[in-house]
Amino acid sequence: MSRMTPFSNPLLLGFDGVERTLERLQKSGDGYPPYNIERIRKDAEGGDTVIRITLAVAGFGPGDLDITTEENQLTIRGSQADQKDRDFLHRGIASRQFQRSFLFADGMRILGAELKNGLLSIDLARPRPERVVKKIDIVVSD
């Protein structure tokens, strides 16, 4: 018996990678660090929409954070080194590591990142989609 998936419809061609990506994202269920995603403005120049991802990363400095993109995936990693020279009487703030990934559509670009007051903000521009209509010629062969 074969497994039925949302992308197994014969009319959806070439979506195998999307299905694998969705499965991978579904498995990453850790809620740390919390984040917001918001549309902040339209870029005045080209009409691009700017999207901001904000992560709550209190206690992390710029050297503790790593932001990378690979293909259409944005990955933010945070790691803090334990400070062995400190003698805690009570330790309620754990130094922990995290990795948070976001997928973005083709054509999106990263505008920049800013760390301010424990919040890491990453801005992305989503260009206005262009409508492309292409005529396909029919070759007759007898």
N, C-alpha and C. Protein backbone atom coordinates (compact mmCIF):
# COMPACT_ATOMS: atom_id res chain seq x y z
N MET A 1 0.84 -1.18 0.00
CA MET A 1 0.00 0.00 0.00
C MET A 1 0.89 1.24 0.00
N SER A 2 0.64 2.14 -0.90
CA SER A 2 1.46 3.34 -0.98
C SER A 2 0.88 4.43 -0.09
N ARG A 3 1.74 5.32 0.33
CA ARG A 3 1.37 6.41 1.22
C ARG A 3 0.83 7.57 0.39
N MET A 4 -0.33 8.09 0.78
CA MET A 4 -0.92 9.24 0.08
C MET A 4 -0.45 10.52 0.77
N THR A 5 0.05 11.43 0.00
CA THR A 5 0.53 12.70 0.53
C THR A 5 -0.19 13.84 -0.19
N PRO A 6 -0.14 15.04 0.38
CA PRO A 6 -0.81 16.17 -0.28
C PRO A 6 -0.27 16.45 -1.68
N PHE A 7 0.98 16.07 -1.93
CA PHE A 7 1.60 16.37 -3.22
C PHE A 7 1.61 15.16 -4.15
N SER A 8 0.82 14.12 -3.84
CA SER A 8 0.81 12.93 -4.69
C SER A 8 -0.18 13.06 -5.85
N ASN A 9 -0.88 14.18 -5.93
CA ASN A 9 -1.80 14.42 -7.03
C ASN A 9 -0.99 14.46 -8.33
N PRO A 10 -1.44 13.75 -9.38
CA PRO A 10 -0.66 13.72 -10.64
C PRO A 10 -0.58 15.08 -11.35
N LEU A 11 -1.42 16.03 -10.94
CA LEU A 11 -1.37 17.35 -11.56
C LEU A 11 -0.32 18.26 -10.93
N LEU A 12 0.23 17.86 -9.80
CA LEU A 12 1.28 18.64 -9.13
C LEU A 12 2.64 18.02 -9.49
N LEU A 13 3.33 18.63 -10.40
CA LEU A 13 4.59 18.09 -10.90
C LEU A 13 5.78 18.83 -10.32
N GLY A 14 6.77 18.10 -9.84
CA GLY A 14 8.01 18.70 -9.37
C GLY A 14 7.95 19.26 -7.96
N PHE A 15 7.01 18.84 -7.12
CA PHE A 15 6.89 19.36 -5.76
C PHE A 15 7.47 18.41 -4.72
N ASP A 16 8.28 17.44 -5.15
CA ASP A 16 8.86 16.47 -4.21
C ASP A 16 9.72 17.16 -3.16
N GLY A 17 10.51 18.13 -3.57
CA GLY A 17 11.37 18.85 -2.63
C GLY A 17 10.57 19.64 -1.61
N VAL A 18 9.45 20.21 -2.04
CA VAL A 18 8.60 20.96 -1.12
C VAL A 18 8.04 20.03 -0.05
N GLU A 19 7.62 18.85 -0.47
CA GLU A 19 7.07 17.89 0.47
C GLU A 19 8.11 17.47 1.52
N ARG A 20 9.32 17.19 1.08
CA ARG A 20 10.40 16.81 2.02
C ARG A 20 10.70 17.96 2.98
N THR A 21 10.70 19.17 2.48
CA THR A 21 10.96 20.33 3.33
C THR A 21 9.87 20.50 4.37
N LEU A 22 8.62 20.35 3.97
CA LEU A 22 7.51 20.47 4.92
C LEU A 22 7.60 19.40 6.01
N GLU A 23 7.97 18.19 5.64
CA GLU A 23 8.13 17.12 6.63
C GLU A 23 9.24 17.46 7.62
N ARG A 24 10.35 18.01 7.11
CA ARG A 24 11.48 18.37 7.98
C ARG A 24 11.09 19.49 8.94
N LEU A 25 10.35 20.47 8.46
CA LEU A 25 9.92 21.56 9.32
C LEU A 25 8.93 21.10 10.38
N GLN A 26 8.10 20.15 10.02
CA GLN A 26 7.11 19.64 10.96
C GLN A 26 7.77 18.93 12.13
N LYS A 27 8.91 18.32 11.89
CA LYS A 27 9.62 17.58 12.95
C LYS A 27 10.36 18.51 13.90
N SER A 28 10.66 19.73 13.50
CA SER A 28 11.38 20.66 14.37
C SER A 28 10.36 21.42 15.22
N GLY A 29 9.94 20.82 16.33
CA GLY A 29 8.86 21.37 17.11
C GLY A 29 9.27 22.18 18.33
N ASP A 30 10.55 22.40 18.57
CA ASP A 30 11.00 23.16 19.73
C ASP A 30 10.55 24.61 19.60
N GLY A 31 9.99 25.17 20.66
CA GLY A 31 9.46 26.52 20.61
C GLY A 31 10.43 27.58 21.07
N TYR A 32 11.72 27.22 21.23
CA TYR A 32 12.70 28.19 21.71
C TYR A 32 13.63 28.56 20.58
N PRO A 33 13.96 29.79 20.40
CA PRO A 33 13.43 30.97 21.06
C PRO A 33 12.11 31.39 20.43
N PRO A 34 11.28 32.10 21.19
CA PRO A 34 10.04 32.60 20.60
C PRO A 34 10.34 33.65 19.53
N TYR A 35 9.43 33.78 18.57
CA TYR A 35 9.68 34.71 17.47
C TYR A 35 8.37 35.31 16.96
N ASN A 36 8.49 36.43 16.26
CA ASN A 36 7.39 37.09 15.55
C ASN A 36 7.78 37.21 14.09
N ILE A 37 6.78 37.19 13.23
CA ILE A 37 6.97 37.49 11.81
C ILE A 37 5.94 38.55 11.46
N GLU A 38 6.41 39.66 10.90
CA GLU A 38 5.48 40.75 10.59
C GLU A 38 5.82 41.40 9.25
N ARG A 39 4.81 41.93 8.62
CA ARG A 39 5.00 42.73 7.41
C ARG A 39 5.14 44.16 7.90
N ILE A 40 6.29 44.82 7.62
CA ILE A 40 6.50 46.13 8.20
C ILE A 40 6.26 47.28 7.23
N ARG A 41 6.48 47.06 5.94
CA ARG A 41 6.25 48.16 4.99
C ARG A 41 6.47 47.65 3.57
N LYS A 42 6.07 48.49 2.66
CA LYS A 42 6.41 48.24 1.26
C LYS A 42 7.54 49.17 0.91
N ASP A 43 8.56 48.63 0.28
CA ASP A 43 9.71 49.40 -0.13
C ASP A 43 9.28 50.43 -1.18
N ALA A 44 9.61 51.68 -0.96
CA ALA A 44 9.15 52.76 -1.84
C ALA A 44 9.71 52.64 -3.25
N GLU A 45 10.91 52.07 -3.38
CA GLU A 45 11.56 52.02 -4.70
C GLU A 45 10.83 51.10 -5.67
N GLY A 46 10.80 49.80 -5.35
CA GLY A 46 10.25 48.85 -6.30
C GLY A 46 8.93 48.24 -5.89
N GLY A 47 8.37 48.70 -4.80
CA GLY A 47 7.12 48.12 -4.35
C GLY A 47 7.29 46.78 -3.66
N ASP A 48 8.50 46.43 -3.24
CA ASP A 48 8.74 45.18 -2.55
C ASP A 48 8.15 45.23 -1.14
N THR A 49 7.63 44.11 -0.69
CA THR A 49 7.14 43.99 0.67
C THR A 49 8.30 43.58 1.57
N VAL A 50 8.45 44.24 2.72
CA VAL A 50 9.51 43.91 3.66
C VAL A 50 8.90 43.13 4.81
N ILE A 51 9.49 41.97 5.08
CA ILE A 51 9.05 41.09 6.15
C ILE A 51 10.14 41.05 7.21
N ARG A 52 9.75 41.17 8.48
CA ARG A 52 10.71 41.16 9.58
C ARG A 52 10.45 39.94 10.47
N ILE A 53 11.51 39.17 10.70
CA ILE A 53 11.49 38.06 11.66
C ILE A 53 12.22 38.56 12.89
N THR A 54 11.57 38.51 14.05
CA THR A 54 12.17 38.96 15.30
C THR A 54 12.22 37.80 16.27
N LEU A 55 13.42 37.47 16.77
CA LEU A 55 13.60 36.39 17.73
C LEU A 55 14.01 36.98 19.07
N ALA A 56 13.46 36.44 20.17
CA ALA A 56 13.84 36.86 21.51
C ALA A 56 15.07 36.06 21.92
N VAL A 57 16.22 36.72 21.90
CA VAL A 57 17.50 36.04 22.18
C VAL A 57 18.23 36.72 23.33
N ALA A 58 17.50 37.04 24.41
CA ALA A 58 18.12 37.70 25.56
C ALA A 58 19.28 36.87 26.08
N GLY A 59 20.38 37.55 26.38
CA GLY A 59 21.56 36.88 26.90
C GLY A 59 22.56 36.47 25.83
N PHE A 60 22.16 36.53 24.57
CA PHE A 60 23.06 36.19 23.46
C PHE A 60 23.66 37.47 22.90
N GLY A 61 24.96 37.45 22.68
CA GLY A 61 25.63 38.57 22.04
C GLY A 61 25.85 38.28 20.57
N PRO A 62 26.33 39.26 19.82
CA PRO A 62 26.56 39.03 18.38
C PRO A 62 27.50 37.86 18.11
N GLY A 63 28.47 37.63 18.98
CA GLY A 63 29.40 36.52 18.79
C GLY A 63 28.80 35.16 19.09
N ASP A 64 27.65 35.14 19.79
CA ASP A 64 26.97 33.89 20.13
C ASP A 64 25.97 33.47 19.06
N LEU A 65 25.71 34.33 18.09
CA LEU A 65 24.69 34.07 17.08
C LEU A 65 25.31 33.89 15.70
N ASP A 66 24.70 33.01 14.91
CA ASP A 66 25.18 32.75 13.56
C ASP A 66 23.96 32.70 12.64
N ILE A 67 23.95 33.52 11.61
CA ILE A 67 22.84 33.56 10.66
C ILE A 67 23.38 33.15 9.30
N THR A 68 22.76 32.10 8.71
CA THR A 68 23.20 31.63 7.40
C THR A 68 21.99 31.39 6.50
N THR A 69 22.24 31.42 5.20
CA THR A 69 21.23 31.01 4.23
C THR A 69 21.83 29.95 3.34
N GLU A 70 21.01 28.97 3.03
CA GLU A 70 21.40 27.94 2.07
C GLU A 70 20.18 27.65 1.22
N GLU A 71 20.33 27.86 -0.07
CA GLU A 71 19.21 27.79 -1.00
C GLU A 71 18.10 28.70 -0.50
N ASN A 72 16.94 28.20 -0.16
CA ASN A 72 15.84 29.05 0.29
C ASN A 72 15.56 28.87 1.77
N GLN A 73 16.57 28.58 2.54
CA GLN A 73 16.38 28.36 3.98
C GLN A 73 17.28 29.31 4.77
N LEU A 74 16.66 30.03 5.69
CA LEU A 74 17.36 30.91 6.62
C LEU A 74 17.50 30.16 7.93
N THR A 75 18.72 30.06 8.44
CA THR A 75 18.97 29.34 9.69
C THR A 75 19.67 30.27 10.67
N ILE A 76 19.12 30.34 11.89
CA ILE A 76 19.70 31.13 12.96
C ILE A 76 20.12 30.16 14.05
N ARG A 77 21.39 30.21 14.43
CA ARG A 77 21.91 29.35 15.49
C ARG A 77 22.45 30.23 16.62
N GLY A 78 22.21 29.78 17.82
CA GLY A 78 22.74 30.48 18.98
C GLY A 78 23.38 29.49 19.92
N SER A 79 24.55 29.85 20.44
CA SER A 79 25.22 28.99 21.42
C SER A 79 25.99 29.88 22.38
N GLN A 80 25.88 29.53 23.66
CA GLN A 80 26.59 30.27 24.70
C GLN A 80 27.53 29.30 25.40
N ALA A 81 28.73 29.77 25.67
CA ALA A 81 29.69 28.95 26.39
C ALA A 81 29.43 29.08 27.89
N ASP A 82 29.53 27.97 28.61
CA ASP A 82 29.41 28.01 30.07
C ASP A 82 30.60 28.76 30.64
N GLN A 83 30.32 29.63 31.59
CA GLN A 83 31.40 30.39 32.22
C GLN A 83 31.82 29.65 33.49
N LYS A 84 32.93 28.95 33.41
CA LYS A 84 33.41 28.09 34.51
C LYS A 84 33.88 28.90 35.71
N ASP A 85 34.26 30.16 35.51
CA ASP A 85 34.82 30.95 36.60
C ASP A 85 33.75 31.56 37.51
N ARG A 86 32.47 31.35 37.21
CA ARG A 86 31.39 31.92 38.02
C ARG A 86 30.87 30.89 39.01
N ASP A 87 30.57 31.35 40.23
CA ASP A 87 30.07 30.48 41.30
C ASP A 87 28.63 30.88 41.61
N PHE A 88 27.67 30.18 41.00
CA PHE A 88 26.26 30.51 41.15
C PHE A 88 25.71 29.99 42.48
N LEU A 89 24.97 30.81 43.21
CA LEU A 89 24.21 30.37 44.38
C LEU A 89 22.86 29.82 43.93
N HIS A 90 22.32 30.39 42.88
CA HIS A 90 21.10 29.88 42.24
C HIS A 90 21.25 30.12 40.75
N ARG A 91 20.92 29.12 39.95
CA ARG A 91 21.02 29.29 38.49
C ARG A 91 19.67 29.00 37.85
N GLY A 92 18.95 30.06 37.53
CA GLY A 92 17.65 29.94 36.90
C GLY A 92 17.68 30.30 35.43
N ILE A 93 18.78 30.91 34.97
CA ILE A 93 18.92 31.26 33.56
C ILE A 93 19.93 30.30 32.95
N ALA A 94 19.42 29.37 32.19
CA ALA A 94 20.30 28.36 31.59
C ALA A 94 20.96 28.92 30.34
N SER A 95 22.17 28.52 30.11
CA SER A 95 22.81 28.86 28.84
C SER A 95 22.54 27.68 27.92
N ARG A 96 21.72 27.93 26.91
CA ARG A 96 21.34 26.84 26.03
C ARG A 96 21.58 27.21 24.59
N GLN A 97 21.60 26.18 23.77
CA GLN A 97 21.80 26.38 22.35
C GLN A 97 20.46 26.27 21.64
N PHE A 98 20.38 26.87 20.46
CA PHE A 98 19.17 26.74 19.66
C PHE A 98 19.50 26.80 18.19
N GLN A 99 18.58 26.29 17.41
CA GLN A 99 18.63 26.44 15.95
C GLN A 99 17.20 26.63 15.48
N ARG A 100 16.96 27.69 14.73
CA ARG A 100 15.63 27.99 14.22
C ARG A 100 15.77 28.21 12.72
N SER A 101 14.94 27.54 11.93
CA SER A 101 15.02 27.65 10.47
C SER A 101 13.70 28.17 9.90
N PHE A 102 13.83 28.95 8.84
CA PHE A 102 12.68 29.49 8.12
C PHE A 102 12.91 29.26 6.63
N LEU A 103 11.87 28.92 5.92
CA LEU A 103 11.94 28.81 4.46
C LEU A 103 11.40 30.08 3.84
N PHE A 104 12.04 30.52 2.78
CA PHE A 104 11.52 31.68 2.08
C PHE A 104 11.42 31.39 0.60
N ALA A 105 10.54 32.10 -0.07
CA ALA A 105 10.23 31.86 -1.48
C ALA A 105 11.38 32.31 -2.38
N ASP A 106 11.36 31.79 -3.59
CA ASP A 106 12.34 32.22 -4.59
C ASP A 106 12.24 33.71 -4.81
N GLY A 107 13.37 34.35 -4.98
CA GLY A 107 13.41 35.78 -5.25
C GLY A 107 13.51 36.64 -4.01
N MET A 108 13.25 36.08 -2.82
CA MET A 108 13.37 36.89 -1.61
C MET A 108 14.85 37.11 -1.31
N ARG A 109 15.13 38.25 -0.69
CA ARG A 109 16.53 38.55 -0.35
C ARG A 109 16.60 39.08 1.08
N ILE A 110 17.71 38.79 1.73
CA ILE A 110 17.93 39.24 3.10
C ILE A 110 18.48 40.66 3.04
N LEU A 111 17.81 41.58 3.74
CA LEU A 111 18.26 42.97 3.76
C LEU A 111 19.27 43.24 4.86
N GLY A 112 19.17 42.53 5.98
CA GLY A 112 20.10 42.74 7.07
C GLY A 112 19.55 42.20 8.38
N ALA A 113 20.40 42.24 9.41
CA ALA A 113 20.03 41.77 10.74
C ALA A 113 20.51 42.78 11.77
N GLU A 114 19.73 42.91 12.86
CA GLU A 114 20.07 43.85 13.93
C GLU A 114 19.75 43.20 15.27
N LEU A 115 20.67 43.35 16.24
CA LEU A 115 20.47 42.86 17.60
C LEU A 115 20.33 44.07 18.51
N LYS A 116 19.15 44.20 19.14
CA LYS A 116 18.89 45.37 19.98
C LYS A 116 17.98 44.96 21.13
N ASN A 117 18.42 45.25 22.36
CA ASN A 117 17.64 44.98 23.56
C ASN A 117 17.19 43.52 23.66
N GLY A 118 18.04 42.60 23.28
CA GLY A 118 17.72 41.17 23.38
C GLY A 118 16.84 40.63 22.27
N LEU A 119 16.57 41.46 21.26
CA LEU A 119 15.76 41.02 20.13
C LEU A 119 16.59 41.05 18.85
N LEU A 120 16.62 39.93 18.16
CA LEU A 120 17.32 39.83 16.88
C LEU A 120 16.29 39.99 15.77
N SER A 121 16.45 41.03 14.96
CA SER A 121 15.52 41.30 13.85
C SER A 121 16.23 41.06 12.54
N ILE A 122 15.59 40.30 11.67
CA ILE A 122 16.12 40.00 10.34
C ILE A 122 15.07 40.46 9.33
N ASP A 123 15.47 41.34 8.41
CA ASP A 123 14.55 41.87 7.41
C ASP A 123 14.78 41.17 6.07
N LEU A 124 13.67 40.80 5.45
CA LEU A 124 13.69 40.17 4.13
C LEU A 124 12.80 40.97 3.20
N ALA A 125 13.18 41.07 1.94
CA ALA A 125 12.36 41.76 0.95
C ALA A 125 11.73 40.72 0.04
N ARG A 126 10.43 40.87 -0.13
CA ARG A 126 9.69 39.98 -1.03
C ARG A 126 9.31 40.80 -2.25
N PRO A 127 9.94 40.51 -3.39
CA PRO A 127 9.65 41.31 -4.58
C PRO A 127 8.22 41.06 -5.08
N ARG A 128 7.70 42.05 -5.74
CA ARG A 128 6.38 41.93 -6.35
C ARG A 128 6.47 40.88 -7.46
N PRO A 129 5.58 39.89 -7.46
CA PRO A 129 5.67 38.85 -8.49
C PRO A 129 5.38 39.40 -9.88
N GLU A 130 6.14 38.90 -10.82
CA GLU A 130 5.93 39.30 -12.22
C GLU A 130 5.10 38.22 -12.90
N ARG A 131 4.12 38.65 -13.63
CA ARG A 131 3.28 37.70 -14.36
C ARG A 131 3.94 37.42 -15.70
N VAL A 132 4.22 36.15 -15.95
CA VAL A 132 4.89 35.75 -17.18
C VAL A 132 3.97 34.83 -17.97
N VAL A 133 3.68 35.22 -19.18
CA VAL A 133 2.90 34.39 -20.09
C VAL A 133 3.81 34.05 -21.26
N LYS A 134 3.92 32.76 -21.53
CA LYS A 134 4.83 32.32 -22.58
C LYS A 134 4.07 31.43 -23.56
N LYS A 135 4.20 31.70 -24.82
CA LYS A 135 3.54 30.91 -25.86
C LYS A 135 4.47 29.75 -26.22
N ILE A 136 3.88 28.56 -26.25
CA ILE A 136 4.64 27.36 -26.61
C ILE A 136 4.26 26.98 -28.06
N ASP A 137 5.28 26.93 -28.91
CA ASP A 137 5.05 26.56 -30.29
C ASP A 137 4.84 25.05 -30.42
N ILE A 138 3.96 24.67 -31.32
CA ILE A 138 3.69 23.26 -31.58
C ILE A 138 4.44 22.85 -32.82
N VAL A 139 5.25 21.80 -32.71
CA VAL A 139 5.99 21.28 -33.85
C VAL A 139 5.18 20.14 -34.45
N VAL A 140 4.95 20.19 -35.73
CA VAL A 140 4.21 19.16 -36.43
C VAL A 140 5.20 18.22 -37.08
N SER A 141 5.03 16.93 -36.79
CA SER A 141 5.90 15.94 -37.43
C SER A 141 5.01 14.81 -37.96
N ASP A 142 5.10 14.56 -39.27
CA ASP A 142 4.28 13.51 -39.91
C ASP A 142 5.15 12.41 -40.42
